[in-house]
Amino acid sequence: MRVVPGRPAQHYGTSVDPATLRPCPVRRPGTVGERRRDVGLGPLEERLRRLSDGVWGPRET
């Protein structure tokens, strides 16, 4: 999903700023969890945690 400057914020929080690993602006952030659940997406917080750990999770040393 591409986020275009000057366009409305995203609906599900699927686009993330790669520099900060924070979601790009989300429309009505207080209800994003409900919208994600309604379409079968997991919690946004879980997605952000997985991204911060790396796609496959933290590396074992």
Protein backbone atom coordinates (compact mmCIF):
# COMPACT_ATOMS: atom_id res chain seq x y z
CA MET A 1 0.00 0.00 0.00
CA ARG A 2 1.37 3.39 -0.92
CA VAL A 3 0.73 6.42 1.25
CA VAL A 4 0.51 9.59 -0.80
CA PRO A 5 1.18 12.99 0.81
CA GLY A 6 -1.97 15.09 0.93
CA ARG A 7 -4.20 12.02 0.75
CA PRO A 8 -6.34 10.72 3.61
CA ALA A 9 -4.63 8.58 6.22
CA GLN A 10 -4.60 4.81 5.81
CA HIS A 11 -7.43 2.69 7.15
CA TYR A 12 -5.74 -0.43 8.62
CA GLY A 13 -2.25 0.67 9.62
CA THR A 14 -0.54 -1.65 7.15
CA SER A 15 1.97 0.94 5.88
CA VAL A 16 4.91 1.55 8.19
CA ASP A 17 7.67 4.16 7.99
CA PRO A 18 10.80 2.05 7.47
CA ALA A 19 13.01 4.58 9.26
CA THR A 20 11.00 4.56 12.49
CA LEU A 21 8.98 1.34 12.25
CA ARG A 22 5.93 3.36 13.24
CA PRO A 23 2.70 3.27 11.24
CA CYS A 24 2.12 5.97 8.67
CA PRO A 25 -0.84 8.19 9.64
CA VAL A 26 -3.94 6.13 10.40
CA ARG A 27 -7.49 7.38 10.06
CA ARG A 28 -9.29 7.25 13.44
CA PRO A 29 -6.48 5.47 15.33
CA GLY A 30 -8.75 4.72 18.28
CA THR A 31 -10.75 2.23 16.21
CA VAL A 32 -7.99 0.75 14.02
CA GLY A 33 -7.97 -2.43 16.10
CA GLU A 34 -11.66 -3.07 15.36
CA ARG A 35 -11.17 -2.46 11.64
CA ARG A 36 -8.16 -4.78 11.52
CA ARG A 37 -10.02 -7.51 13.41
CA ASP A 38 -13.04 -7.19 11.08
CA VAL A 39 -10.87 -8.04 8.04
CA GLY A 40 -8.82 -10.75 9.73
CA LEU A 41 -5.69 -8.74 10.53
CA GLY A 42 -3.96 -9.13 13.87
CA PRO A 43 -3.43 -6.29 16.34
CA LEU A 44 -1.34 -3.38 15.07
CA GLU A 45 0.82 -3.52 18.20
CA GLU A 46 1.74 -7.13 17.42
CA ARG A 47 2.68 -6.24 13.84
CA LEU A 48 4.89 -3.38 15.04
CA ARG A 49 6.54 -5.63 17.62
CA ARG A 50 7.30 -8.25 14.98
CA LEU A 51 8.73 -5.60 12.68
CA SER A 52 10.98 -4.25 15.42
CA ASP A 53 12.20 -7.81 16.12
CA GLY A 54 12.68 -8.48 12.41
CA VAL A 55 10.22 -10.30 10.21
CA TRP A 56 11.15 -13.73 11.58
CA GLY A 57 11.73 -12.65 15.17
CA PRO A 58 14.90 -11.91 17.11
CA ARG A 59 18.02 -13.77 16.07
CA GLU A 60 19.38 -16.35 18.46
CA THR A 61 23.03 -15.94 19.44
